[in-house]
Amino acid sequence: MIIRSAYIEALAAWANQYPEELLPEIAFAGRSNVGKSSTINCLTNRKNLARTSGQPGKTQTLNFYNINEEFRIVDLPGYGFARVSKQSRKTWQKMMDTYFTQRVCLEEIVVIVDIRHKPSPEDQAMYKMVLEMGFRGIVVANKADKLSRSAQNKQLAVIRETLMMSQEKDLLIPFSSESRQGREELMQVIQRKIDEVYVEEEEEETKSQE
């Protein structure tokens, strides 16, 4: 996939702030400071499209990025940051519930974890929820450049076991925004999903005209 254009289309907390459901959306979920913004910048070949911060919990909105006028990447607020109030956690949960249950054009959710660590209970809960909602559930094991290849393989096995992922079916991609490892594989997965959406739309339109 060649990225011809990429820009932020909306910052939204609630449904009335979402952009129109004209494009399919791929959402990125993960713990605070796991590197969602850096991953998005790497995928889009933009240094500062998504704002990165060393301060966990910085993203407090759903950030909608328009890619090639063909689809959107949605950067979700990070979860699992301990130093937030119970009210903030409730607000986060409500935001996510609203987006996940009401957004018809949401086509897939990518869960980003840190390859160096066993997935947290919050990671496990997110991945389980993604599967229960009927999505494939793509897991990106970020910060792969921090480990040797042998250490990566060891940690990938830990992630698969913890998340109860099938070796044959479930997709786990080691990724690094620094070395760009895994970028092409993830972009190909996204491209296939977007292509499927447009093919289905064309088939439905053809049927409606018959």
N, C-alpha and C. Protein backbone atom coordinates (compact mmCIF):
# COMPACT_ATOMS: atom_id res chain seq x y z
N MET A 1 0.84 -1.19 0.00
CA MET A 1 0.00 0.00 0.00
C MET A 1 0.88 1.25 0.00
N ILE A 2 0.62 2.14 -0.94
CA ILE A 2 1.33 3.41 -1.00
C ILE A 2 0.49 4.47 -0.28
N ILE A 3 1.09 5.13 0.69
CA ILE A 3 0.38 6.17 1.43
C ILE A 3 0.53 7.49 0.69
N ARG A 4 -0.53 7.90 0.04
CA ARG A 4 -0.50 9.14 -0.73
C ARG A 4 -0.92 10.35 0.12
N SER A 5 -1.82 10.11 1.06
CA SER A 5 -2.24 11.20 1.94
C SER A 5 -2.62 10.62 3.30
N ALA A 6 -2.38 11.39 4.33
CA ALA A 6 -2.72 10.99 5.69
C ALA A 6 -2.87 12.25 6.52
N TYR A 7 -4.03 12.40 7.15
CA TYR A 7 -4.24 13.59 7.97
C TYR A 7 -5.25 13.28 9.07
N ILE A 8 -5.19 14.05 10.14
CA ILE A 8 -6.13 13.85 11.23
C ILE A 8 -7.46 14.49 10.84
N GLU A 9 -8.50 13.69 10.90
CA GLU A 9 -9.82 14.14 10.47
C GLU A 9 -10.69 14.58 11.64
N ALA A 10 -10.50 13.97 12.81
CA ALA A 10 -11.32 14.36 13.96
C ALA A 10 -10.68 13.86 15.25
N LEU A 11 -10.87 14.64 16.31
CA LEU A 11 -10.58 14.23 17.68
C LEU A 11 -11.93 14.15 18.38
N ALA A 12 -12.29 13.00 18.87
CA ALA A 12 -13.65 12.82 19.37
C ALA A 12 -13.66 12.08 20.70
N ALA A 13 -14.55 12.54 21.57
CA ALA A 13 -14.79 11.83 22.82
C ALA A 13 -16.10 11.06 22.76
N TRP A 14 -17.07 11.63 22.05
CA TRP A 14 -18.41 11.02 22.01
C TRP A 14 -18.92 10.90 20.59
N ALA A 15 -19.97 10.11 20.41
CA ALA A 15 -20.45 9.74 19.09
C ALA A 15 -20.82 10.94 18.23
N ASN A 16 -21.34 11.99 18.82
CA ASN A 16 -21.74 13.15 18.01
C ASN A 16 -20.54 13.92 17.46
N GLN A 17 -19.33 13.54 17.89
CA GLN A 17 -18.12 14.18 17.38
C GLN A 17 -17.40 13.32 16.34
N TYR A 18 -17.87 12.09 16.13
CA TYR A 18 -17.24 11.21 15.15
C TYR A 18 -17.44 11.76 13.73
N PRO A 19 -16.49 11.51 12.84
CA PRO A 19 -16.74 11.85 11.44
C PRO A 19 -17.80 10.93 10.84
N GLU A 20 -18.36 11.32 9.72
CA GLU A 20 -19.40 10.52 9.08
C GLU A 20 -18.88 9.12 8.74
N GLU A 21 -19.79 8.16 8.76
CA GLU A 21 -19.40 6.78 8.51
C GLU A 21 -19.30 6.49 7.01
N LEU A 22 -18.41 7.21 6.36
CA LEU A 22 -18.25 7.07 4.92
C LEU A 22 -17.10 6.14 4.56
N LEU A 23 -16.20 5.88 5.52
CA LEU A 23 -15.02 5.08 5.25
C LEU A 23 -14.88 3.96 6.28
N PRO A 24 -14.34 2.82 5.88
CA PRO A 24 -14.06 1.75 6.85
C PRO A 24 -12.97 2.20 7.82
N GLU A 25 -13.03 1.68 9.05
CA GLU A 25 -12.08 2.08 10.08
C GLU A 25 -11.37 0.88 10.70
N ILE A 26 -10.09 1.05 10.94
CA ILE A 26 -9.26 0.09 11.64
C ILE A 26 -8.81 0.76 12.93
N ALA A 27 -9.21 0.21 14.07
CA ALA A 27 -8.88 0.83 15.36
C ALA A 27 -7.64 0.19 15.97
N PHE A 28 -6.85 1.00 16.66
CA PHE A 28 -5.65 0.54 17.35
C PHE A 28 -5.84 0.72 18.85
N ALA A 29 -5.76 -0.39 19.59
CA ALA A 29 -5.95 -0.37 21.03
C ALA A 29 -4.67 -0.86 21.72
N GLY A 30 -4.45 -0.37 22.94
CA GLY A 30 -3.28 -0.82 23.69
C GLY A 30 -3.13 -0.05 24.98
N ARG A 31 -2.26 -0.56 25.82
CA ARG A 31 -1.98 0.11 27.09
C ARG A 31 -1.35 1.48 26.85
N SER A 32 -1.49 2.34 27.84
CA SER A 32 -0.85 3.65 27.77
C SER A 32 0.65 3.50 27.57
N ASN A 33 1.19 4.25 26.65
CA ASN A 33 2.63 4.29 26.38
C ASN A 33 3.18 3.02 25.73
N VAL A 34 2.31 2.23 25.10
CA VAL A 34 2.78 1.01 24.43
C VAL A 34 3.31 1.32 23.04
N GLY A 35 3.03 2.53 22.54
CA GLY A 35 3.58 2.92 21.24
C GLY A 35 2.59 2.92 20.10
N LYS A 36 1.30 3.17 20.40
CA LYS A 36 0.31 3.21 19.32
C LYS A 36 0.60 4.35 18.34
N SER A 37 0.91 5.53 18.87
CA SER A 37 1.16 6.69 18.00
C SER A 37 2.38 6.46 17.13
N SER A 38 3.45 5.91 17.69
CA SER A 38 4.65 5.62 16.91
C SER A 38 4.37 4.59 15.83
N THR A 39 3.53 3.62 16.15
CA THR A 39 3.16 2.60 15.17
C THR A 39 2.40 3.23 14.01
N ILE A 40 1.47 4.10 14.32
CA ILE A 40 0.69 4.78 13.27
C ILE A 40 1.60 5.66 12.41
N ASN A 41 2.52 6.36 13.02
CA ASN A 41 3.46 7.19 12.26
C ASN A 41 4.31 6.34 11.33
N CYS A 42 4.74 5.19 11.82
CA CYS A 42 5.55 4.29 11.00
C CYS A 42 4.74 3.76 9.83
N LEU A 43 3.51 3.34 10.08
CA LEU A 43 2.67 2.79 9.02
C LEU A 43 2.40 3.81 7.93
N THR A 44 2.20 5.05 8.32
CA THR A 44 1.82 6.10 7.36
C THR A 44 3.02 6.85 6.80
N ASN A 45 4.22 6.49 7.25
CA ASN A 45 5.43 7.18 6.81
C ASN A 45 5.38 8.68 7.13
N ARG A 46 4.82 9.00 8.27
CA ARG A 46 4.74 10.38 8.74
C ARG A 46 5.39 10.45 10.12
N LYS A 47 6.24 11.45 10.33
CA LYS A 47 6.93 11.56 11.60
C LYS A 47 6.04 12.05 12.73
N ASN A 48 5.12 12.95 12.40
CA ASN A 48 4.35 13.59 13.45
C ASN A 48 2.84 13.59 13.19
N LEU A 49 2.37 12.60 12.43
CA LEU A 49 0.93 12.53 12.20
C LEU A 49 0.20 12.30 13.52
N ALA A 50 0.63 11.25 14.22
CA ALA A 50 0.09 10.97 15.56
C ALA A 50 1.09 11.49 16.58
N ARG A 51 0.61 12.26 17.52
CA ARG A 51 1.50 12.84 18.52
C ARG A 51 1.96 11.78 19.50
N THR A 52 3.27 11.70 19.69
CA THR A 52 3.84 10.77 20.64
C THR A 52 4.18 11.51 21.92
N SER A 53 4.16 10.77 23.03
CA SER A 53 4.46 11.40 24.32
C SER A 53 5.02 10.35 25.27
N GLY A 54 5.98 10.77 26.09
CA GLY A 54 6.50 9.88 27.11
C GLY A 54 5.61 9.84 28.34
N GLN A 55 4.56 10.63 28.31
CA GLN A 55 3.64 10.71 29.45
C GLN A 55 2.47 9.76 29.24
N PRO A 56 2.38 8.67 30.03
CA PRO A 56 1.28 7.73 29.86
C PRO A 56 -0.07 8.40 30.05
N GLY A 57 -1.06 7.92 29.29
CA GLY A 57 -2.41 8.44 29.43
C GLY A 57 -2.63 9.77 28.74
N LYS A 58 -1.70 10.16 27.84
CA LYS A 58 -1.80 11.47 27.19
C LYS A 58 -3.00 11.55 26.24
N THR A 59 -3.24 10.47 25.47
CA THR A 59 -4.35 10.48 24.54
C THR A 59 -5.66 10.26 25.28
N GLN A 60 -6.54 11.26 25.25
CA GLN A 60 -7.80 11.19 25.97
C GLN A 60 -9.00 11.20 25.03
N THR A 61 -8.73 11.16 23.73
CA THR A 61 -9.80 11.16 22.73
C THR A 61 -9.56 10.03 21.73
N LEU A 62 -10.58 9.75 20.94
CA LEU A 62 -10.42 8.86 19.80
C LEU A 62 -9.94 9.73 18.65
N ASN A 63 -8.77 9.41 18.11
CA ASN A 63 -8.17 10.22 17.06
C ASN A 63 -8.36 9.51 15.72
N PHE A 64 -9.09 10.16 14.81
CA PHE A 64 -9.43 9.58 13.52
C PHE A 64 -8.47 10.11 12.44
N TYR A 65 -7.70 9.21 11.83
CA TYR A 65 -6.75 9.59 10.79
C TYR A 65 -7.25 9.09 9.44
N ASN A 66 -7.41 9.99 8.50
CA ASN A 66 -7.87 9.65 7.16
C ASN A 66 -6.67 9.25 6.32
N ILE A 67 -6.73 8.04 5.76
CA ILE A 67 -5.63 7.51 4.96
C ILE A 67 -6.07 7.33 3.51
N ASN A 68 -5.46 8.09 2.62
CA ASN A 68 -5.70 7.99 1.18
C ASN A 68 -7.16 8.24 0.79
N GLU A 69 -7.93 8.85 1.67
CA GLU A 69 -9.36 9.03 1.44
C GLU A 69 -10.07 7.70 1.22
N GLU A 70 -9.44 6.60 1.69
CA GLU A 70 -9.97 5.25 1.48
C GLU A 70 -10.43 4.59 2.78
N PHE A 71 -9.73 4.89 3.87
CA PHE A 71 -10.09 4.32 5.16
C PHE A 71 -9.53 5.19 6.27
N ARG A 72 -9.91 4.86 7.49
CA ARG A 72 -9.38 5.59 8.64
C ARG A 72 -8.67 4.64 9.60
N ILE A 73 -7.60 5.14 10.19
CA ILE A 73 -6.99 4.50 11.36
C ILE A 73 -7.47 5.29 12.57
N VAL A 74 -7.95 4.59 13.58
CA VAL A 74 -8.46 5.25 14.78
C VAL A 74 -7.59 4.87 15.97
N ASP A 75 -6.93 5.88 16.53
CA ASP A 75 -6.07 5.70 17.70
C ASP A 75 -6.93 5.85 18.95
N LEU A 76 -7.11 4.75 19.67
CA LEU A 76 -7.95 4.76 20.86
C LEU A 76 -7.16 5.19 22.09
N PRO A 77 -7.82 5.80 23.07
CA PRO A 77 -7.12 6.16 24.31
C PRO A 77 -6.53 4.93 24.98
N GLY A 78 -5.31 5.07 25.50
CA GLY A 78 -4.66 3.94 26.15
C GLY A 78 -5.34 3.53 27.44
N TYR A 79 -5.22 2.27 27.76
CA TYR A 79 -5.80 1.75 29.00
C TYR A 79 -4.70 1.27 29.94
N GLY A 80 -5.07 1.02 31.18
CA GLY A 80 -4.14 0.41 32.12
C GLY A 80 -3.20 1.35 32.84
N PHE A 81 -3.40 2.66 32.71
CA PHE A 81 -2.54 3.61 33.42
C PHE A 81 -3.02 3.73 34.85
N ALA A 82 -2.18 3.35 35.79
CA ALA A 82 -2.60 3.21 37.19
C ALA A 82 -2.97 4.53 37.85
N ARG A 83 -2.28 5.61 37.46
CA ARG A 83 -2.46 6.88 38.17
C ARG A 83 -3.58 7.73 37.57
N VAL A 84 -4.71 7.11 37.32
CA VAL A 84 -5.88 7.87 36.91
C VAL A 84 -7.01 7.55 37.88
N SER A 85 -7.93 8.48 38.01
CA SER A 85 -9.03 8.32 38.96
C SER A 85 -10.02 7.27 38.46
N LYS A 86 -10.84 6.78 39.39
CA LYS A 86 -11.89 5.82 39.02
C LYS A 86 -12.85 6.46 38.02
N GLN A 87 -13.11 7.75 38.18
CA GLN A 87 -14.01 8.45 37.26
C GLN A 87 -13.42 8.47 35.86
N SER A 88 -12.11 8.67 35.76
CA SER A 88 -11.46 8.67 34.44
C SER A 88 -11.55 7.31 33.79
N ARG A 89 -11.42 6.26 34.59
CA ARG A 89 -11.53 4.91 34.05
C ARG A 89 -12.95 4.63 33.57
N LYS A 90 -13.92 5.11 34.33
CA LYS A 90 -15.32 4.93 33.92
C LYS A 90 -15.60 5.69 32.62
N THR A 91 -15.02 6.88 32.52
CA THR A 91 -15.20 7.67 31.30
C THR A 91 -14.58 6.96 30.11
N TRP A 92 -13.37 6.41 30.30
CA TRP A 92 -12.71 5.66 29.24
C TRP A 92 -13.58 4.48 28.81
N GLN A 93 -14.09 3.74 29.77
CA GLN A 93 -14.90 2.57 29.45
C GLN A 93 -16.15 2.94 28.67
N LYS A 94 -16.77 4.04 29.07
CA LYS A 94 -17.98 4.49 28.37
C LYS A 94 -17.64 4.91 26.93
N MET A 95 -16.53 5.61 26.76
CA MET A 95 -16.09 6.01 25.42
C MET A 95 -15.88 4.80 24.53
N MET A 96 -15.20 3.77 25.08
CA MET A 96 -14.92 2.59 24.29
C MET A 96 -16.19 1.81 23.98
N ASP A 97 -17.05 1.66 24.96
CA ASP A 97 -18.31 0.93 24.75
C ASP A 97 -19.13 1.60 23.64
N THR A 98 -19.18 2.93 23.68
CA THR A 98 -19.95 3.67 22.67
C THR A 98 -19.37 3.43 21.28
N TYR A 99 -18.05 3.55 21.17
CA TYR A 99 -17.42 3.39 19.85
C TYR A 99 -17.56 1.95 19.35
N PHE A 100 -17.25 0.99 20.20
CA PHE A 100 -17.28 -0.40 19.77
C PHE A 100 -18.68 -0.88 19.39
N THR A 101 -19.69 -0.43 20.09
CA THR A 101 -21.04 -0.93 19.87
C THR A 101 -21.84 -0.14 18.84
N GLN A 102 -21.48 1.13 18.62
CA GLN A 102 -22.29 1.97 17.74
C GLN A 102 -21.64 2.26 16.39
N ARG A 103 -20.37 2.02 16.26
CA ARG A 103 -19.67 2.41 15.03
C ARG A 103 -19.79 1.30 13.98
N VAL A 104 -20.69 1.46 13.06
CA VAL A 104 -20.97 0.45 12.05
C VAL A 104 -19.78 0.24 11.11
N CYS A 105 -19.03 1.29 10.84
CA CYS A 105 -17.92 1.19 9.87
C CYS A 105 -16.62 0.67 10.50
N LEU A 106 -16.65 0.30 11.77
CA LEU A 106 -15.47 -0.30 12.40
C LEU A 106 -15.30 -1.71 11.86
N GLU A 107 -14.19 -1.96 11.18
CA GLU A 107 -13.99 -3.24 10.50
C GLU A 107 -13.00 -4.16 11.20
N GLU A 108 -12.08 -3.61 11.96
CA GLU A 108 -11.09 -4.45 12.64
C GLU A 108 -10.45 -3.68 13.78
N ILE A 109 -9.98 -4.42 14.78
CA ILE A 109 -9.28 -3.82 15.92
C ILE A 109 -7.92 -4.49 16.05
N VAL A 110 -6.87 -3.68 16.05
CA VAL A 110 -5.51 -4.15 16.24
C VAL A 110 -5.13 -3.90 17.71
N VAL A 111 -4.73 -4.94 18.40
CA VAL A 111 -4.31 -4.81 19.80
C VAL A 111 -2.79 -4.78 19.85
N ILE A 112 -2.24 -3.71 20.41
CA ILE A 112 -0.79 -3.56 20.49
C ILE A 112 -0.32 -3.89 21.90
N VAL A 113 0.66 -4.78 21.98
CA VAL A 113 1.25 -5.14 23.27
C VAL A 113 2.76 -4.91 23.20
N ASP A 114 3.40 -4.89 24.34
CA ASP A 114 4.86 -4.74 24.41
C ASP A 114 5.48 -6.13 24.37
N ILE A 115 6.28 -6.39 23.34
CA ILE A 115 6.86 -7.72 23.16
C ILE A 115 7.74 -8.15 24.33
N ARG A 116 8.23 -7.20 25.10
CA ARG A 116 9.16 -7.52 26.19
C ARG A 116 8.47 -8.07 27.42
N HIS A 117 7.15 -7.95 27.47
CA HIS A 117 6.43 -8.32 28.69
C HIS A 117 5.26 -9.25 28.39
N LYS A 118 4.93 -10.05 29.36
CA LYS A 118 3.73 -10.87 29.28
C LYS A 118 2.51 -9.95 29.21
N PRO A 119 1.55 -10.22 28.33
CA PRO A 119 0.36 -9.38 28.25
C PRO A 119 -0.32 -9.21 29.60
N SER A 120 -0.67 -7.99 29.92
CA SER A 120 -1.28 -7.67 31.22
C SER A 120 -2.72 -8.17 31.25
N PRO A 121 -3.33 -8.20 32.43
CA PRO A 121 -4.76 -8.55 32.50
C PRO A 121 -5.62 -7.65 31.63
N GLU A 122 -5.26 -6.36 31.52
CA GLU A 122 -6.01 -5.45 30.66
C GLU A 122 -5.85 -5.83 29.18
N ASP A 123 -4.63 -6.23 28.80
CA ASP A 123 -4.40 -6.69 27.43
C ASP A 123 -5.25 -7.93 27.14
N GLN A 124 -5.26 -8.83 28.09
CA GLN A 124 -6.02 -10.07 27.92
C GLN A 124 -7.51 -9.78 27.80
N ALA A 125 -8.00 -8.86 28.62
CA ALA A 125 -9.41 -8.50 28.59
C ALA A 125 -9.77 -7.84 27.26
N MET A 126 -8.89 -6.96 26.77
CA MET A 126 -9.14 -6.29 25.49
C MET A 126 -9.18 -7.29 24.35
N TYR A 127 -8.21 -8.18 24.30
CA TYR A 127 -8.15 -9.16 23.22
C TYR A 127 -9.38 -10.08 23.25
N LYS A 128 -9.76 -10.50 24.44
CA LYS A 128 -10.96 -11.35 24.57
C LYS A 128 -12.19 -10.62 24.08
N MET A 129 -12.32 -9.35 24.44
CA MET A 129 -13.47 -8.56 24.02
C MET A 129 -13.50 -8.40 22.50
N VAL A 130 -12.34 -8.17 21.91
CA VAL A 130 -12.25 -8.01 20.46
C VAL A 130 -12.77 -9.27 19.76
N LEU A 131 -12.36 -10.42 20.24
CA LEU A 131 -12.81 -11.68 19.64
C LEU A 131 -14.31 -11.88 19.86
N GLU A 132 -14.79 -11.56 21.04
CA GLU A 132 -16.20 -11.73 21.34
C GLU A 132 -17.08 -10.83 20.49
N MET A 133 -16.54 -9.70 20.05
CA MET A 133 -17.30 -8.79 19.19
C MET A 133 -17.29 -9.24 17.73
N GLY A 134 -16.55 -10.31 17.44
CA GLY A 134 -16.56 -10.87 16.10
C GLY A 134 -15.43 -10.43 15.19
N PHE A 135 -14.48 -9.67 15.73
CA PHE A 135 -13.33 -9.26 14.94
C PHE A 135 -12.27 -10.35 14.95
N ARG A 136 -11.39 -10.31 13.96
CA ARG A 136 -10.33 -11.31 13.90
C ARG A 136 -9.37 -11.15 15.08
N GLY A 137 -9.05 -9.91 15.39
CA GLY A 137 -8.14 -9.66 16.49
C GLY A 137 -6.69 -9.83 16.09
N ILE A 138 -6.11 -8.78 15.53
CA ILE A 138 -4.70 -8.79 15.15
C ILE A 138 -3.88 -8.26 16.32
N VAL A 139 -2.86 -8.99 16.71
CA VAL A 139 -2.01 -8.55 17.82
C VAL A 139 -0.65 -8.13 17.26
N VAL A 140 -0.25 -6.92 17.60
CA VAL A 140 1.06 -6.40 17.21
C VAL A 140 1.95 -6.37 18.45
N ALA A 141 3.05 -7.10 18.37
CA ALA A 141 4.01 -7.13 19.48
C ALA A 141 5.06 -6.05 19.23
N ASN A 142 4.85 -4.90 19.86
CA ASN A 142 5.64 -3.71 19.56
C ASN A 142 6.99 -3.72 20.29
N LYS A 143 7.87 -2.84 19.81
CA LYS A 143 9.20 -2.62 20.39
C LYS A 143 10.11 -3.83 20.21
N ALA A 144 9.92 -4.50 19.06
CA ALA A 144 10.70 -5.70 18.77
C ALA A 144 12.20 -5.40 18.63
N ASP A 145 12.54 -4.16 18.30
CA ASP A 145 13.96 -3.80 18.15
C ASP A 145 14.72 -3.88 19.47
N LYS A 146 14.00 -3.95 20.56
CA LYS A 146 14.64 -4.01 21.87
C LYS A 146 15.16 -5.42 22.19
N LEU A 147 14.79 -6.42 21.37
CA LEU A 147 15.15 -7.81 21.64
C LEU A 147 15.86 -8.43 20.45
N SER A 148 16.69 -9.41 20.72
CA SER A 148 17.30 -10.20 19.65
C SER A 148 16.22 -11.08 19.02
N ARG A 149 16.51 -11.65 17.88
CA ARG A 149 15.53 -12.51 17.20
C ARG A 149 15.15 -13.71 18.06
N SER A 150 16.12 -14.31 18.71
CA SER A 150 15.82 -15.47 19.55
C SER A 150 14.95 -15.06 20.74
N ALA A 151 15.25 -13.90 21.32
CA ALA A 151 14.44 -13.41 22.44
C ALA A 151 13.04 -13.03 21.96
N GLN A 152 12.93 -12.51 20.74
CA GLN A 152 11.61 -12.21 20.18
C GLN A 152 10.77 -13.48 20.09
N ASN A 153 11.35 -14.54 19.54
CA ASN A 153 10.62 -15.79 19.39
C ASN A 153 10.13 -16.32 20.73
N LYS A 154 10.97 -16.19 21.74
CA LYS A 154 10.60 -16.64 23.07
C LYS A 154 9.42 -15.85 23.60
N GLN A 155 9.48 -14.53 23.45
CA GLN A 155 8.41 -13.67 23.95
C GLN A 155 7.12 -13.82 23.14
N LEU A 156 7.25 -14.06 21.85
CA LEU A 156 6.06 -14.28 21.04
C LEU A 156 5.31 -15.53 21.50
N ALA A 157 6.05 -16.54 21.91
CA ALA A 157 5.43 -17.75 22.44
C ALA A 157 4.70 -17.46 23.75
N VAL A 158 5.29 -16.60 24.57
CA VAL A 158 4.65 -16.20 25.83
C VAL A 158 3.35 -15.45 25.55
N ILE A 159 3.39 -14.55 24.58
CA ILE A 159 2.20 -13.77 24.23
C ILE A 159 1.10 -14.68 23.71
N ARG A 160 1.45 -15.60 22.82
CA ARG A 160 0.46 -16.53 22.28
C ARG A 160 -0.19 -17.37 23.40
N GLU A 161 0.64 -17.85 24.28
CA GLU A 161 0.12 -18.68 25.37
C GLU A 161 -0.78 -17.87 26.30
N THR A 162 -0.36 -16.66 26.65
CA THR A 162 -1.13 -15.84 27.58
C THR A 162 -2.47 -15.43 26.98
N LEU A 163 -2.47 -15.09 25.71
CA LEU A 163 -3.71 -14.65 25.05
C LEU A 163 -4.50 -15.83 24.46
N MET A 164 -3.94 -17.03 24.61
CA MET A 164 -4.58 -18.25 24.09
C MET A 164 -4.82 -18.15 22.59
N MET A 165 -3.77 -17.73 21.88
CA MET A 165 -3.85 -17.57 20.43
C MET A 165 -3.47 -18.86 19.73
N SER A 166 -4.19 -19.17 18.67
CA SER A 166 -3.88 -20.32 17.85
C SER A 166 -2.66 -20.04 16.98
N GLN A 167 -1.76 -21.00 16.89
CA GLN A 167 -0.55 -20.85 16.08
C GLN A 167 -0.91 -20.74 14.60
N GLU A 168 -1.93 -21.48 14.18
CA GLU A 168 -2.29 -21.53 12.78
C GLU A 168 -3.19 -20.37 12.36
N LYS A 169 -4.12 -19.98 13.22
CA LYS A 169 -5.17 -19.05 12.80
C LYS A 169 -4.94 -17.61 13.23
N ASP A 170 -4.55 -17.39 14.47
CA ASP A 170 -4.49 -16.04 15.03
C ASP A 170 -3.20 -15.33 14.63
N LEU A 171 -3.34 -14.07 14.30
CA LEU A 171 -2.23 -13.31 13.72
C LEU A 171 -1.50 -12.50 14.77
N LEU A 172 -0.20 -12.78 14.91
CA LEU A 172 0.67 -12.07 15.85
C LEU A 172 1.88 -11.56 15.06
N ILE A 173 2.06 -10.24 15.05
CA ILE A 173 3.11 -9.62 14.23
C ILE A 173 4.13 -8.90 15.11
N PRO A 174 5.38 -9.36 15.13
CA PRO A 174 6.43 -8.58 15.81
C PRO A 174 6.66 -7.29 15.03
N PHE A 175 6.79 -6.17 15.74
CA PHE A 175 6.79 -4.86 15.07
C PHE A 175 7.76 -3.92 15.76
N SER A 176 8.33 -3.03 14.97
CA SER A 176 9.17 -1.96 15.52
C SER A 176 9.07 -0.73 14.65
N SER A 177 8.71 0.38 15.25
CA SER A 177 8.69 1.63 14.48
C SER A 177 10.10 2.14 14.23
N GLU A 178 11.07 1.65 14.99
CA GLU A 178 12.46 2.08 14.83
C GLU A 178 13.11 1.35 13.64
N SER A 179 13.02 0.03 13.63
CA SER A 179 13.63 -0.76 12.57
C SER A 179 12.68 -1.02 11.40
N ARG A 180 11.39 -0.72 11.63
CA ARG A 180 10.32 -0.94 10.66
C ARG A 180 10.02 -2.42 10.43
N GLN A 181 10.51 -3.25 11.33
CA GLN A 181 10.18 -4.67 11.28
C GLN A 181 8.67 -4.85 11.40
N GLY A 182 8.10 -5.63 10.54
CA GLY A 182 6.67 -5.94 10.61
C GLY A 182 5.78 -4.94 9.91
N ARG A 183 6.32 -3.82 9.44
CA ARG A 183 5.48 -2.79 8.83
C ARG A 183 4.76 -3.30 7.59
N GLU A 184 5.52 -3.92 6.68
CA GLU A 184 4.91 -4.38 5.43
C GLU A 184 3.87 -5.45 5.68
N GLU A 185 4.14 -6.34 6.62
CA GLU A 185 3.17 -7.39 6.92
C GLU A 185 1.87 -6.81 7.46
N LEU A 186 1.99 -5.86 8.38
CA LEU A 186 0.78 -5.25 8.94
C LEU A 186 0.03 -4.44 7.90
N MET A 187 0.75 -3.72 7.05
CA MET A 187 0.10 -2.95 6.00
C MET A 187 -0.64 -3.85 5.02
N GLN A 188 -0.06 -5.01 4.73
CA GLN A 188 -0.72 -5.95 3.83
C GLN A 188 -2.00 -6.50 4.44
N VAL A 189 -1.98 -6.76 5.73
CA VAL A 189 -3.17 -7.23 6.44
C VAL A 189 -4.28 -6.18 6.38
N ILE A 190 -3.89 -4.93 6.63
CA ILE A 190 -4.87 -3.84 6.58
C ILE A 190 -5.41 -3.67 5.16
N GLN A 191 -4.52 -3.72 4.18
CA GLN A 191 -4.94 -3.57 2.77
C GLN A 191 -5.95 -4.65 2.38
N ARG A 192 -5.67 -5.90 2.78
CA ARG A 192 -6.59 -6.98 2.44
C ARG A 192 -7.97 -6.76 3.06
N LYS A 193 -7.97 -6.28 4.30
CA LYS A 193 -9.24 -6.03 4.97
C LYS A 193 -10.01 -4.92 4.28
N ILE A 194 -9.36 -3.85 3.93
CA ILE A 194 -10.03 -2.73 3.27
C ILE A 194 -10.54 -3.17 1.90
N ASP A 195 -9.74 -3.95 1.17
CA ASP A 195 -10.17 -4.45 -0.14
C ASP A 195 -11.42 -5.30 0.00
N GLU A 196 -11.46 -6.16 1.04
CA GLU A 196 -12.63 -7.00 1.27
C GLU A 196 -13.88 -6.16 1.50
N VAL A 197 -13.73 -5.09 2.25
CA VAL A 197 -14.88 -4.22 2.55
C VAL A 197 -15.44 -3.62 1.27
N TYR A 198 -14.56 -3.11 0.41
CA TYR A 198 -15.03 -2.47 -0.82
C TYR A 198 -15.61 -3.48 -1.81
N VAL A 199 -15.06 -4.68 -1.84
CA VAL A 199 -15.63 -5.73 -2.70
C VAL A 199 -17.03 -6.09 -2.24
N GLU A 200 -17.21 -6.22 -0.93
CA GLU A 200 -18.53 -6.53 -0.38
C GLU A 200 -19.53 -5.42 -0.71
N GLU A 201 -19.09 -4.18 -0.60
CA GLU A 201 -19.97 -3.05 -0.91
C GLU A 201 -20.38 -3.06 -2.38
N GLU A 202 -19.43 -3.37 -3.26
CA GLU A 202 -19.74 -3.41 -4.69
C GLU A 202 -20.73 -4.54 -5.00
N GLU A 203 -20.55 -5.68 -4.34
CA GLU A 203 -21.45 -6.80 -4.57
C GLU A 203 -22.86 -6.48 -4.08
N GLU A 204 -22.95 -5.81 -2.93
CA GLU A 204 -24.26 -5.43 -2.41
C GLU A 204 -24.94 -4.41 -3.33
N GLU A 205 -24.14 -3.47 -3.87
CA GLU A 205 -24.70 -2.46 -4.76
C GLU A 205 -25.19 -3.12 -6.06
N THR A 206 -24.43 -4.10 -6.55
CA THR A 206 -24.84 -4.80 -7.77
C THR A 206 -26.14 -5.56 -7.55
N LYS A 207 -26.26 -6.21 -6.41
CA LYS A 207 -27.47 -6.96 -6.09
C LYS A 207 -28.68 -6.04 -6.00
N SER A 208 -28.46 -4.87 -5.41
CA SER A 208 -29.57 -3.93 -5.24
C SER A 208 -30.08 -3.37 -6.57
N GLN A 209 -29.20 -3.40 -7.57
CA GLN A 209 -29.57 -2.86 -8.88
C GLN A 209 -30.20 -3.90 -9.80
N GLU A 210 -30.13 -5.17 -9.39
CA GLU A 210 -30.69 -6.25 -10.22
C GLU A 210 -32.22 -6.28 -10.12
